[in-house]
PDB file of N, CA and C in Angstrom:
ATOM      1  N   MET A   1      53.046  28.524 -77.463  1.00  0.00           N
ATOM      2  CA  MET A   1      52.768  29.457 -76.580  1.00  0.00           C
ATOM      3  C   MET A   1      51.435  29.368 -75.929  1.00  0.00           C
ATOM      4  N   ILE A   2      50.378  29.171 -76.607  1.00  0.00           N
ATOM      5  CA  ILE A   2      49.012  29.055 -75.913  1.00  0.00           C
ATOM      6  C   ILE A   2      48.464  27.773 -76.354  1.00  0.00           C
ATOM      7  N   PRO A   3      48.118  27.057 -75.408  1.00  0.00           N
ATOM      8  CA  PRO A   3      47.593  25.544 -75.637  1.00  0.00           C
ATOM      9  C   PRO A   3      46.390  25.678 -76.204  1.00  0.00           C
ATOM     10  N   GLY A   4      45.891  24.479 -76.824  1.00  0.00           N
ATOM     11  CA  GLY A   4      44.741  24.570 -77.859  1.00  0.00           C
ATOM     12  C   GLY A   4      43.730  24.372 -76.743  1.00  0.00           C
ATOM     13  N   ILE A   5      42.557  24.752 -77.096  1.00  0.00           N
ATOM     14  CA  ILE A   5      41.252  24.603 -76.279  1.00  0.00           C
ATOM     15  C   ILE A   5      40.173  24.189 -77.181  1.00  0.00           C
ATOM     16  N   GLY A   6      39.075  23.419 -76.785  1.00  0.00           N
ATOM     17  CA  GLY A   6      37.978  22.843 -77.498  1.00  0.00           C
ATOM     18  C   GLY A   6      38.250  22.277 -78.795  1.00  0.00           C
ATOM     19  N   GLY A   7      39.482  21.668 -79.038  1.00  0.00           N
ATOM     20  CA  GLY A   7      39.662  20.898 -80.216  1.00  0.00           C
ATOM     21  C   GLY A   7      40.282  21.714 -81.128  1.00  0.00           C
ATOM     22  N   MET A   8      40.519  23.065 -80.962  1.00  0.00           N
ATOM     23  CA  MET A   8      41.678  23.823 -81.793  1.00  0.00           C
ATOM     24  C   MET A   8      42.947  23.622 -81.292  1.00  0.00           C
ATOM     25  N   ASN A   9      43.940  23.662 -82.379  1.00  0.00           N
ATOM     26  CA  ASN A   9      45.117  23.421 -82.111  1.00  0.00           C
ATOM     27  C   ASN A   9      45.831  25.122 -81.543  1.00  0.00           C
ATOM     28  N   ALA A  10      46.884  25.056 -81.133  1.00  0.00           N
ATOM     29  CA  ALA A  10      47.357  26.173 -80.606  1.00  0.00           C
ATOM     30  C   ALA A  10      47.755  27.484 -81.867  1.00  0.00           C
ATOM     31  N   ARG A  11      48.028  26.845 -82.905  1.00  0.00           N
ATOM     32  CA  ARG A  11      47.805  27.985 -84.158  1.00  0.00           C
ATOM     33  C   ARG A  11      46.595  28.649 -84.259  1.00  0.00           C
ATOM     34  N   GLN A  12      45.604  27.821 -84.386  1.00  0.00           N
ATOM     35  CA  GLN A  12      44.228  28.296 -84.619  1.00  0.00           C
ATOM     36  C   GLN A  12      43.835  28.979 -83.512  1.00  0.00           C
ATOM     37  N   MET A  13      44.066  28.637 -82.324  1.00  0.00           N
ATOM     38  CA  MET A  13      43.549  29.667 -81.157  1.00  0.00           C
ATOM     39  C   MET A  13      44.389  30.978 -81.195  1.00  0.00           C
ATOM     40  N   GLN A  14      45.628  31.010 -81.652  1.00  0.00           N
ATOM     41  CA  GLN A  14      46.331  32.192 -81.765  1.00  0.00           C
ATOM     42  C   GLN A  14      45.993  33.147 -82.854  1.00  0.00           C
ATOM     43  N   ARG A  15      45.260  32.300 -83.808  1.00  0.00           N
ATOM     44  CA  ARG A  15      44.751  33.381 -84.963  1.00  0.00           C
ATOM     45  C   ARG A  15      43.477  33.943 -84.730  1.00  0.00           C
ATOM     46  N   LEU A  16      42.624  33.087 -83.654  1.00  0.00           N
ATOM     47  CA  LEU A  16      41.108  33.630 -83.152  1.00  0.00           C
ATOM     48  C   LEU A  16      41.457  34.703 -82.461  1.00  0.00           C
ATOM     49  N   MET A  17      42.569  34.660 -81.390  1.00  0.00           N
ATOM     50  CA  MET A  17      42.803  35.579 -80.552  1.00  0.00           C
ATOM     51  C   MET A  17      43.475  36.790 -81.161  1.00  0.00           C
ATOM     52  N   GLN A  18      43.872  36.969 -82.159  1.00  0.00           N
ATOM     53  CA  GLN A  18      44.512  38.168 -83.206  1.00  0.00           C
ATOM     54  C   GLN A  18      43.186  38.620 -83.477  1.00  0.00           C
ATOM     55  N   GLN A  19      42.369  37.872 -84.062  1.00  0.00           N
ATOM     56  CA  GLN A  19      40.872  38.526 -84.943  1.00  0.00           C
ATOM     57  C   GLN A  19      40.289  39.175 -83.888  1.00  0.00           C
ATOM     58  N   MET A  20      40.716  38.610 -82.396  1.00  0.00           N
ATOM     59  CA  MET A  20      39.314  39.392 -81.630  1.00  0.00           C
ATOM     60  C   MET A  20      40.309  40.648 -81.046  1.00  0.00           C
ATOM     61  N   GLY A  21      41.504  40.943 -81.450  1.00  0.00           N
ATOM     62  CA  GLY A  21      42.399  42.202 -80.833  1.00  0.00           C
ATOM     63  C   GLY A  21      42.939  41.880 -79.641  1.00  0.00           C
ATOM     64  N   ILE A  22      43.231  40.262 -79.606  1.00  0.00           N
ATOM     65  CA  ILE A  22      43.987  39.898 -78.439  1.00  0.00           C
ATOM     66  C   ILE A  22      45.528  39.543 -78.893  1.00  0.00           C
ATOM     67  N   LYS A  23      46.597  40.477 -78.230  1.00  0.00           N
ATOM     68  CA  LYS A  23      47.997  40.282 -78.665  1.00  0.00           C
ATOM     69  C   LYS A  23      48.614  39.333 -77.398  1.00  0.00           C
ATOM     70  N   THR A  24      49.148  38.307 -77.802  1.00  0.00           N
ATOM     71  CA  THR A  24      50.135  37.756 -76.275  1.00  0.00           C
ATOM     72  C   THR A  24      51.548  37.451 -76.761  1.00  0.00           C
ATOM     73  N   SER A  25      52.064  37.581 -75.812  1.00  0.00           N
ATOM     74  CA  SER A  25      53.835  37.194 -75.617  1.00  0.00           C
ATOM     75  C   SER A  25      54.163  36.742 -74.441  1.00  0.00           C
ATOM     76  N   GLU A  26      55.001  35.922 -74.623  1.00  0.00           N
ATOM     77  CA  GLU A  26      55.355  34.944 -73.533  1.00  0.00           C
ATOM     78  C   GLU A  26      56.551  36.087 -72.777  1.00  0.00           C
ATOM     79  N   ILE A  27      56.719  35.963 -71.669  1.00  0.00           N
ATOM     80  CA  ILE A  27      57.776  36.574 -70.801  1.00  0.00           C
ATOM     81  C   ILE A  27      58.411  35.625 -70.205  1.00  0.00           C
ATOM     82  N   ASP A  28      60.022  35.702 -70.353  1.00  0.00           N
ATOM     83  CA  ASP A  28      60.845  34.635 -69.821  1.00  0.00           C
ATOM     84  C   ASP A  28      61.094  34.882 -68.443  1.00  0.00           C
ATOM     85  N   ALA A  29      60.400  34.291 -67.629  1.00  0.00           N
ATOM     86  CA  ALA A  29      60.639  34.518 -66.116  1.00  0.00           C
ATOM     87  C   ALA A  29      61.243  33.366 -65.371  1.00  0.00           C
ATOM     88  N   SER A  30      61.910  33.583 -64.193  1.00  0.00           N
ATOM     89  CA  SER A  30      62.613  32.384 -63.713  1.00  0.00           C
ATOM     90  C   SER A  30      61.945  32.367 -62.468  1.00  0.00           C
ATOM     91  N   GLU A  31      61.351  33.201 -61.803  1.00  0.00           N
ATOM     92  CA  GLU A  31      60.641  33.296 -60.578  1.00  0.00           C
ATOM     93  C   GLU A  31      59.413  34.340 -60.583  1.00  0.00           C
ATOM     94  N   VAL A  32      57.997  33.976 -60.114  1.00  0.00           N
ATOM     95  CA  VAL A  32      57.157  34.925 -59.953  1.00  0.00           C
ATOM     96  C   VAL A  32      56.755  34.922 -58.507  1.00  0.00           C
ATOM     97  N   ILE A  33      56.563  36.118 -57.788  1.00  0.00           N
ATOM     98  CA  ILE A  33      56.156  36.335 -56.256  1.00  0.00           C
ATOM     99  C   ILE A  33      54.927  37.014 -56.343  1.00  0.00           C
ATOM    100  N   VAL A  34      53.956  36.420 -55.994  1.00  0.00           N
ATOM    101  CA  VAL A  34      52.732  37.290 -55.641  1.00  0.00           C
ATOM    102  C   VAL A  34      52.451  37.452 -54.327  1.00  0.00           C
ATOM    103  N   LYS A  35      52.393  38.859 -53.779  1.00  0.00           N
ATOM    104  CA  LYS A  35      52.355  39.356 -52.347  1.00  0.00           C
ATOM    105  C   LYS A  35      50.888  39.528 -52.015  1.00  0.00           C
ATOM    106  N   LYS A  36      50.483  38.368 -51.243  1.00  0.00           N
ATOM    107  CA  LYS A  36      48.882  38.504 -50.924  1.00  0.00           C
ATOM    108  C   LYS A  36      48.701  39.470 -49.723  1.00  0.00           C
ATOM    109  N   ALA A  37      47.371  40.024 -49.429  1.00  0.00           N
ATOM    110  CA  ALA A  37      46.870  41.011 -48.720  1.00  0.00           C
ATOM    111  C   ALA A  37      47.313  40.621 -47.141  1.00  0.00           C
ATOM    112  N   ASP A  38      47.319  39.215 -46.949  1.00  0.00           N
ATOM    113  CA  ASP A  38      47.615  38.800 -45.577  1.00  0.00           C
ATOM    114  C   ASP A  38      49.121  38.852 -45.141  1.00  0.00           C
ATOM    115  N   GLY A  39      50.008  39.335 -46.234  1.00  0.00           N
ATOM    116  CA  GLY A  39      51.339  39.124 -45.848  1.00  0.00           C
ATOM    117  C   GLY A  39      52.350  37.868 -46.611  1.00  0.00           C
ATOM    118  N   SER A  40      51.612  36.618 -46.761  1.00  0.00           N
ATOM    119  CA  SER A  40      52.141  35.564 -47.325  1.00  0.00           C
ATOM    120  C   SER A  40      52.469  35.648 -48.635  1.00  0.00           C
ATOM    121  N   GLU A  41      53.044  35.017 -49.426  1.00  0.00           N
ATOM    122  CA  GLU A  41      53.545  35.168 -50.480  1.00  0.00           C
ATOM    123  C   GLU A  41      53.369  33.731 -51.582  1.00  0.00           C
ATOM    124  N   LEU A  42      52.676  33.917 -52.673  1.00  0.00           N
ATOM    125  CA  LEU A  42      52.755  32.465 -53.492  1.00  0.00           C
ATOM    126  C   LEU A  42      53.986  32.914 -54.437  1.00  0.00           C
ATOM    127  N   VAL A  43      54.779  31.603 -54.451  1.00  0.00           N
ATOM    128  CA  VAL A  43      56.170  31.802 -55.083  1.00  0.00           C
ATOM    129  C   VAL A  43      56.174  30.871 -56.292  1.00  0.00           C
ATOM    130  N   PHE A  44      56.070  31.172 -57.233  1.00  0.00           N
ATOM    131  CA  PHE A  44      56.068  30.417 -58.641  1.00  0.00           C
ATOM    132  C   PHE A  44      57.776  30.459 -58.945  1.00  0.00           C
ATOM    133  N   SER A  45      58.178  29.063 -59.079  1.00  0.00           N
ATOM    134  CA  SER A  45      59.335  28.772 -59.688  1.00  0.00           C
ATOM    135  C   SER A  45      59.359  28.023 -61.053  1.00  0.00           C
ATOM    136  N   SER A  46      60.090  28.588 -62.078  1.00  0.00           N
ATOM    137  CA  SER A  46      60.023  28.267 -63.369  1.00  0.00           C
ATOM    138  C   SER A  46      58.691  28.464 -63.913  1.00  0.00           C
ATOM    139  N   PRO A  47      57.951  29.386 -63.659  1.00  0.00           N
ATOM    140  CA  PRO A  47      56.600  29.655 -64.276  1.00  0.00           C
ATOM    141  C   PRO A  47      56.816  29.929 -65.675  1.00  0.00           C
ATOM    142  N   GLN A  48      55.378  29.641 -66.255  1.00  0.00           N
ATOM    143  CA  GLN A  48      55.050  30.285 -67.930  1.00  0.00           C
ATOM    144  C   GLN A  48      54.451  31.434 -67.554  1.00  0.00           C
ATOM    145  N   VAL A  49      54.798  32.644 -68.279  1.00  0.00           N
ATOM    146  CA  VAL A  49      54.322  33.791 -68.000  1.00  0.00           C
ATOM    147  C   VAL A  49      53.725  34.355 -69.194  1.00  0.00           C
ATOM    148  N   VAL A  50      52.530  34.758 -69.591  1.00  0.00           N
ATOM    149  CA  VAL A  50      52.013  35.051 -70.829  1.00  0.00           C
ATOM    150  C   VAL A  50      51.532  36.635 -70.538  1.00  0.00           C
ATOM    151  N   LEU A  51      51.810  37.529 -71.515  1.00  0.00           N
ATOM    152  CA  LEU A  51      51.197  38.807 -71.411  1.00  0.00           C
ATOM    153  C   LEU A  51      50.213  38.956 -72.269  1.00  0.00           C
ATOM    154  N   MET A  52      48.917  39.323 -71.929  1.00  0.00           N
ATOM    155  CA  MET A  52      48.055  39.434 -72.937  1.00  0.00           C
ATOM    156  C   MET A  52      47.523  41.040 -72.918  1.00  0.00           C
ATOM    157  N   ASP A  53      47.491  41.527 -74.269  1.00  0.00           N
ATOM    158  CA  ASP A  53      47.138  42.805 -74.462  1.00  0.00           C
ATOM    159  C   ASP A  53      45.629  42.588 -75.079  1.00  0.00           C
ATOM    160  N   ILE A  54      44.804  42.974 -74.570  1.00  0.00           N
ATOM    161  CA  ILE A  54      43.287  42.947 -75.200  1.00  0.00           C
ATOM    162  C   ILE A  54      42.776  44.501 -75.158  1.00  0.00           C
ATOM    163  N   GLN A  55      42.714  44.791 -76.526  1.00  0.00           N
ATOM    164  CA  GLN A  55      42.373  46.042 -76.806  1.00  0.00           C
ATOM    165  C   GLN A  55      42.971  47.325 -75.736  1.00  0.00           C
ATOM    166  N   GLY A  56      44.228  47.200 -75.434  1.00  0.00           N
ATOM    167  CA  GLY A  56      44.928  48.257 -74.649  1.00  0.00           C
ATOM    168  C   GLY A  56      44.894  47.841 -73.200  1.00  0.00           C
ATOM    169  N   GLN A  57      44.000  46.818 -72.809  1.00  0.00           N
ATOM    170  CA  GLN A  57      44.094  46.402 -71.276  1.00  0.00           C
ATOM    171  C   GLN A  57      45.296  45.292 -71.174  1.00  0.00           C
ATOM    172  N   LYS A  58      45.978  45.526 -70.295  1.00  0.00           N
ATOM    173  CA  LYS A  58      47.217  44.452 -70.369  1.00  0.00           C
ATOM    174  C   LYS A  58      47.064  43.551 -68.905  1.00  0.00           C
ATOM    175  N   MET A  59      47.075  42.309 -69.164  1.00  0.00           N
ATOM    176  CA  MET A  59      46.847  41.167 -68.263  1.00  0.00           C
ATOM    177  C   MET A  59      47.838  40.398 -68.261  1.00  0.00           C
ATOM    178  N   LEU A  60      48.489  39.789 -67.039  1.00  0.00           N
ATOM    179  CA  LEU A  60      49.497  38.626 -66.966  1.00  0.00           C
ATOM    180  C   LEU A  60      48.744  37.468 -66.555  1.00  0.00           C
ATOM    181  N   GLN A  61      49.076  36.220 -67.261  1.00  0.00           N
ATOM    182  CA  GLN A  61      48.608  34.852 -66.752  1.00  0.00           C
ATOM    183  C   GLN A  61      49.785  33.938 -66.512  1.00  0.00           C
ATOM    184  N   VAL A  62      49.997  33.819 -65.196  1.00  0.00           N
ATOM    185  CA  VAL A  62      50.917  32.809 -64.730  1.00  0.00           C
ATOM    186  C   VAL A  62      50.360  31.480 -64.228  1.00  0.00           C
ATOM    187  N   SER A  63      51.282  30.578 -64.917  1.00  0.00           N
ATOM    188  CA  SER A  63      50.896  29.122 -64.568  1.00  0.00           C
ATOM    189  C   SER A  63      52.184  28.330 -63.969  1.00  0.00           C
ATOM    190  N   GLY A  64      51.975  27.262 -63.447  1.00  0.00           N
ATOM    191  CA  GLY A  64      53.074  26.424 -62.900  1.00  0.00           C
ATOM    192  C   GLY A  64      52.827  26.048 -61.344  1.00  0.00           C
ATOM    193  N   SER A  65      53.747  25.325 -60.939  1.00  0.00           N
ATOM    194  CA  SER A  65      54.071  25.010 -59.602  1.00  0.00           C
ATOM    195  C   SER A  65      54.409  26.208 -58.820  1.00  0.00           C
ATOM    196  N   PHE A  66      53.694  26.185 -57.398  1.00  0.00           N
ATOM    197  CA  PHE A  66      54.179  27.448 -56.750  1.00  0.00           C
ATOM    198  C   PHE A  66      54.051  26.958 -55.142  1.00  0.00           C
ATOM    199  N   THR A  67      54.724  27.442 -54.176  1.00  0.00           N
ATOM    200  CA  THR A  67      54.639  27.250 -52.702  1.00  0.00           C
ATOM    201  C   THR A  67      54.280  28.535 -52.123  1.00  0.00           C
ATOM    202  N   GLU A  68      53.653  28.060 -50.927  1.00  0.00           N
ATOM    203  CA  GLU A  68      53.127  29.415 -50.303  1.00  0.00           C
ATOM    204  C   GLU A  68      54.174  29.729 -49.011  1.00  0.00           C
ATOM    205  N   ARG A  69      54.637  30.765 -49.110  1.00  0.00           N
ATOM    206  CA  ARG A  69      55.497  31.179 -47.930  1.00  0.00           C
ATOM    207  C   ARG A  69      54.640  32.055 -46.767  1.00  0.00           C
ATOM    208  N   GLU A  70      54.994  32.087 -45.595  1.00  0.00           N
ATOM    209  CA  GLU A  70      54.290  32.710 -44.633  1.00  0.00           C
ATOM    210  C   GLU A  70      55.016  33.961 -44.527  1.00  0.00           C
ATOM    211  N   PRO A  71      54.573  35.103 -43.939  1.00  0.00           N
ATOM    212  CA  PRO A  71      55.374  36.308 -43.617  1.00  0.00           C
ATOM    213  C   PRO A  71      56.441  35.984 -42.772  1.00  0.00           C
ATOM    214  N   SER A  72      57.683  36.717 -42.610  1.00  0.00           N
ATOM    215  CA  SER A  72      58.609  36.347 -41.620  1.00  0.00           C
ATOM    216  C   SER A  72      59.168  37.966 -41.404  1.00  0.00           C
ATOM    217  N   PRO A  73      59.413  38.246 -40.280  1.00  0.00           N
ATOM    218  CA  PRO A  73      60.142  39.516 -39.762  1.00  0.00           C
ATOM    219  C   PRO A  73      61.053  40.048 -40.654  1.00  0.00           C
ATOM    220  N   SER A  74      61.272  41.256 -40.695  1.00  0.00           N
ATOM    221  CA  SER A  74      62.765  41.563 -41.448  1.00  0.00           C
ATOM    222  C   SER A  74      63.991  41.575 -40.658  1.00  0.00           C
ATOM    223  N   GLU A  75      65.090  41.496 -40.970  1.00  0.00           N
ATOM    224  CA  GLU A  75      66.088  41.463 -40.453  1.00  0.00           C
ATOM    225  C   GLU A  75      66.285  42.768 -39.404  1.00  0.00           C
ATOM    226  N   GLU A  76      65.837  43.796 -39.925  1.00  0.00           N
ATOM    227  CA  GLU A  76      66.217  45.136 -39.105  1.00  0.00           C
ATOM    228  C   GLU A  76      65.259  44.960 -37.838  1.00  0.00           C
ATOM    229  N   ASP A  77      63.804  44.490 -38.153  1.00  0.00           N
ATOM    230  CA  ASP A  77      63.044  44.325 -36.705  1.00  0.00           C
ATOM    231  C   ASP A  77      63.611  43.172 -35.701  1.00  0.00           C
ATOM    232  N   ILE A  78      64.254  42.084 -36.384  1.00  0.00           N
ATOM    233  CA  ILE A  78      64.647  41.012 -35.712  1.00  0.00           C
ATOM    234  C   ILE A  78      65.960  41.695 -34.683  1.00  0.00           C
ATOM    235  N   LYS A  79      67.011  42.476 -35.426  1.00  0.00           N
ATOM    236  CA  LYS A  79      68.018  42.977 -34.798  1.00  0.00           C
ATOM    237  C   LYS A  79      67.644  43.887 -33.949  1.00  0.00           C
ATOM    238  N   LEU A  80      66.686  45.016 -34.241  1.00  0.00           N
ATOM    239  CA  LEU A  80      66.204  45.626 -33.336  1.00  0.00           C
ATOM    240  C   LEU A  80      65.644  45.353 -31.840  1.00  0.00           C
ATOM    241  N   VAL A  81      64.686  44.103 -32.007  1.00  0.00           N
ATOM    242  CA  VAL A  81      64.178  43.582 -30.903  1.00  0.00           C
ATOM    243  C   VAL A  81      65.240  42.763 -29.968  1.00  0.00           C
ATOM    244  N   SER A  82      66.242  42.282 -30.650  1.00  0.00           N
ATOM    245  CA  SER A  82      67.140  41.631 -30.091  1.00  0.00           C
ATOM    246  C   SER A  82      68.038  42.701 -29.267  1.00  0.00           C
ATOM    247  N   GLU A  83      68.612  43.712 -29.959  1.00  0.00           N
ATOM    248  CA  GLU A  83      69.237  44.712 -29.012  1.00  0.00           C
ATOM    249  C   GLU A  83      68.555  45.053 -28.126  1.00  0.00           C
ATOM    250  N   GLN A  84      67.358  45.569 -27.941  1.00  0.00           N
ATOM    251  CA  GLN A  84      66.537  46.256 -27.185  1.00  0.00           C
ATOM    252  C   GLN A  84      66.159  45.225 -25.840  1.00  0.00           C
ATOM    253  N   THR A  85      66.366  44.087 -26.061  1.00  0.00           N
ATOM    254  CA  THR A  85      66.176  43.185 -24.825  1.00  0.00           C
ATOM    255  C   THR A  85      67.098  42.202 -24.574  1.00  0.00           C
ATOM    256  N   GLY A  86      68.080  42.218 -25.529  1.00  0.00           N
ATOM    257  CA  GLY A  86      69.295  41.190 -24.957  1.00  0.00           C
ATOM    258  C   GLY A  86      69.090  39.700 -25.216  1.00  0.00           C
ATOM    259  N   CYS A  87      67.831  39.363 -26.001  1.00  0.00           N
ATOM    260  CA  CYS A  87      67.353  38.102 -26.188  1.00  0.00           C
ATOM    261  C   CYS A  87      68.093  37.608 -27.566  1.00  0.00           C
ATOM    262  N   SER A  88      68.128  36.337 -27.931  1.00  0.00           N
ATOM    263  CA  SER A  88      68.669  35.601 -28.832  1.00  0.00           C
ATOM    264  C   SER A  88      67.550  35.674 -30.203  1.00  0.00           C
ATOM    265  N   ARG A  89      68.321  35.598 -31.299  1.00  0.00           N
ATOM    266  CA  ARG A  89      67.904  35.825 -32.588  1.00  0.00           C
ATOM    267  C   ARG A  89      66.328  35.229 -32.615  1.00  0.00           C
ATOM    268  N   GLU A  90      66.596  33.808 -32.480  1.00  0.00           N
ATOM    269  CA  GLU A  90      65.232  33.115 -32.231  1.00  0.00           C
ATOM    270  C   GLU A  90      64.275  33.323 -31.494  1.00  0.00           C
ATOM    271  N   GLU A  91      64.339  34.021 -30.265  1.00  0.00           N
ATOM    272  CA  GLU A  91      63.567  34.551 -29.077  1.00  0.00           C
ATOM    273  C   GLU A  91      62.845  35.765 -29.740  1.00  0.00           C
ATOM    274  N   ALA A  92      63.814  36.516 -30.579  1.00  0.00           N
ATOM    275  CA  ALA A  92      63.257  37.716 -30.999  1.00  0.00           C
ATOM    276  C   ALA A  92      62.191  37.490 -32.546  1.00  0.00           C
ATOM    277  N   ILE A  93      62.444  36.535 -33.218  1.00  0.00           N
ATOM    278  CA  ILE A  93      61.698  36.050 -34.290  1.00  0.00           C
ATOM    279  C   ILE A  93      60.494  35.508 -33.570  1.00  0.00           C
ATOM    280  N   ALA A  94      60.357  34.664 -32.531  1.00  0.00           N
ATOM    281  CA  ALA A  94      59.185  34.269 -32.245  1.00  0.00           C
ATOM    282  C   ALA A  94      58.252  35.336 -31.503  1.00  0.00           C
ATOM    283  N   ALA A  95      58.826  36.270 -30.738  1.00  0.00           N
ATOM    284  CA  ALA A  95      58.178  37.147 -30.150  1.00  0.00           C
ATOM    285  C   ALA A  95      57.621  38.354 -31.099  1.00  0.00           C
ATOM    286  N   LEU A  96      58.207  38.444 -32.415  1.00  0.00           N
ATOM    287  CA  LEU A  96      57.944  39.219 -33.421  1.00  0.00           C
ATOM    288  C   LEU A  96      56.735  38.516 -33.938  1.00  0.00           C
ATOM    289  N   LYS A  97      56.436  37.309 -34.087  1.00  0.00           N
ATOM    290  CA  LYS A  97      55.566  36.591 -34.882  1.00  0.00           C
ATOM    291  C   LYS A  97      54.487  36.482 -33.948  1.00  0.00           C
ATOM    292  N   GLU A  98      54.636  36.259 -32.688  1.00  0.00           N
ATOM    293  CA  GLU A  98      53.134  36.377 -31.636  1.00  0.00           C
ATOM    294  C   GLU A  98      52.834  37.743 -31.738  1.00  0.00           C
ATOM    295  N   ALA A  99      53.788  38.724 -31.812  1.00  0.00           N
ATOM    296  CA  ALA A  99      53.020  40.201 -31.953  1.00  0.00           C
ATOM    297  C   ALA A  99      52.834  40.882 -33.114  1.00  0.00           C
ATOM    298  N   ASP A 100      52.500  39.713 -34.520  1.00  0.00           N
ATOM    299  CA  ASP A 100      52.062  40.034 -35.660  1.00  0.00           C
ATOM    300  C   ASP A 100      52.974  41.094 -36.125  1.00  0.00           C
ATOM    301  N   GLY A 101      54.195  41.077 -36.032  1.00  0.00           N
ATOM    302  CA  GLY A 101      55.189  41.964 -36.573  1.00  0.00           C
ATOM    303  C   GLY A 101      55.108  43.371 -36.021  1.00  0.00           C
ATOM    304  N   GLU A 102      54.558  43.585 -34.989  1.00  0.00           N
ATOM    305  CA  GLU A 102      54.613  44.929 -34.071  1.00  0.00           C
ATOM    306  C   GLU A 102      55.911  44.821 -33.263  1.00  0.00           C
ATOM    307  N   VAL A 103      56.914  45.607 -33.609  1.00  0.00           N
ATOM    308  CA  VAL A 103      58.293  45.659 -32.977  1.00  0.00           C
ATOM    309  C   VAL A 103      58.040  45.972 -31.482  1.00  0.00           C
ATOM    310  N   ALA A 104      57.285  47.040 -31.122  1.00  0.00           N
ATOM    311  CA  ALA A 104      57.012  47.454 -29.688  1.00  0.00           C
ATOM    312  C   ALA A 104      56.441  46.414 -29.022  1.00  0.00           C
ATOM    313  N   SER A 105      55.513  45.964 -29.388  1.00  0.00           N
ATOM    314  CA  SER A 105      54.706  44.940 -28.764  1.00  0.00           C
ATOM    315  C   SER A 105      55.573  43.836 -28.450  1.00  0.00           C
ATOM    316  N   ALA A 106      56.556  43.251 -29.427  1.00  0.00           N
ATOM    317  CA  ALA A 106      57.394  42.305 -29.334  1.00  0.00           C
ATOM    318  C   ALA A 106      58.564  42.527 -28.189  1.00  0.00           C
ATOM    319  N   ILE A 107      58.858  43.508 -28.208  1.00  0.00           N
ATOM    320  CA  ILE A 107      59.873  44.270 -27.141  1.00  0.00           C
ATOM    321  C   ILE A 107      59.069  44.216 -25.848  1.00  0.00           C
ATOM    322  N   MET A 108      57.879  44.634 -25.635  1.00  0.00           N
ATOM    323  CA  MET A 108      57.378  44.753 -24.278  1.00  0.00           C
ATOM    324  C   MET A 108      57.111  43.231 -24.036  1.00  0.00           C
ATOM    325  N   ARG A 109      56.903  42.512 -24.687  1.00  0.00           N
ATOM    326  CA  ARG A 109      56.461  41.001 -24.472  1.00  0.00           C
ATOM    327  C   ARG A 109      57.673  40.514 -23.755  1.00  0.00           C
ATOM    328  N   LEU A 110      58.872  40.567 -24.390  1.00  0.00           N
ATOM    329  CA  LEU A 110      60.131  40.023 -23.945  1.00  0.00           C
ATOM    330  C   LEU A 110      60.623  40.628 -22.771  1.00  0.00           C
ATOM    331  N   GLN A 111      60.169  41.702 -22.537  1.00  0.00           N
ATOM    332  CA  GLN A 111      60.721  42.415 -21.180  1.00  0.00           C
ATOM    333  C   GLN A 111      59.782  42.055 -20.205  1.00  0.00           C
ATOM    334  N   GLU A 112      58.579  41.887 -20.336  1.00  0.00           N
ATOM    335  CA  GLU A 112      57.767  41.310 -19.363  1.00  0.00           C
ATOM    336  C   GLU A 112      58.196  39.840 -18.849  1.00  0.00           C
ATOM    337  N   LYS A 113      58.540  39.119 -20.142  1.00  0.00           N
ATOM    338  CA  LYS A 113      58.871  37.684 -19.613  1.00  0.00           C
ATOM    339  C   LYS A 113      60.187  37.801 -18.942  1.00  0.00           C
ATOM    340  N   ARG A 114      61.056  38.346 -19.240  1.00  0.00           N
ATOM    341  CA  ARG A 114      62.370  38.541 -18.605  1.00  0.00           C
ATOM    342  C   ARG A 114      62.235  39.239 -17.219  1.00  0.00           C
ATOM    343  N   GLY A 115      61.415  40.228 -16.886  1.00  0.00           N
ATOM    344  CA  GLY A 115      61.020  40.641 -15.692  1.00  0.00           C
ATOM    345  C   GLY A 115      60.541  39.642 -14.801  1.00  0.00           C
ATOM    346  N   SER A 116      59.476  38.814 -15.218  1.00  0.00           N
ATOM    347  CA  SER A 116      58.823  37.748 -14.271  1.00  0.00           C
ATOM    348  C   SER A 116      59.235  36.514 -14.241  1.00  0.00           C
ATOM    349  N   GLY A 117      60.768  36.094 -15.364  1.00  0.00           N
ATOM    350  CA  GLY A 117      61.267  35.206 -15.224  1.00  0.00           C
ATOM    351  C   GLY A 117      62.389  34.920 -14.550  1.00  0.00           C
TER     352      GLY A 117
END
């Protein structure tokens, strides 16, 4: 469950943690997604997740390989922009990304392009 540290094996480490009032248990997870403040996501596939209870304070430890996904517009927003402007799905996605996900701004940009193009 918990790898050894500083010459201690996992069993010794487990005993020491119990003596300190730290309880641990593994959580069987197939995927963990961490949503960052900027809208991007860290996606852990096949992660090792350990729940630690330290004197009533719960903490999760997630380890493993992860990839970072950039935020993408929702299907509802893509459809709305496309319907309002008559543009393709790809154009709607590009406009939403340019407008940082702001639907009204994306629609205005596309209407301006179509009016001047």
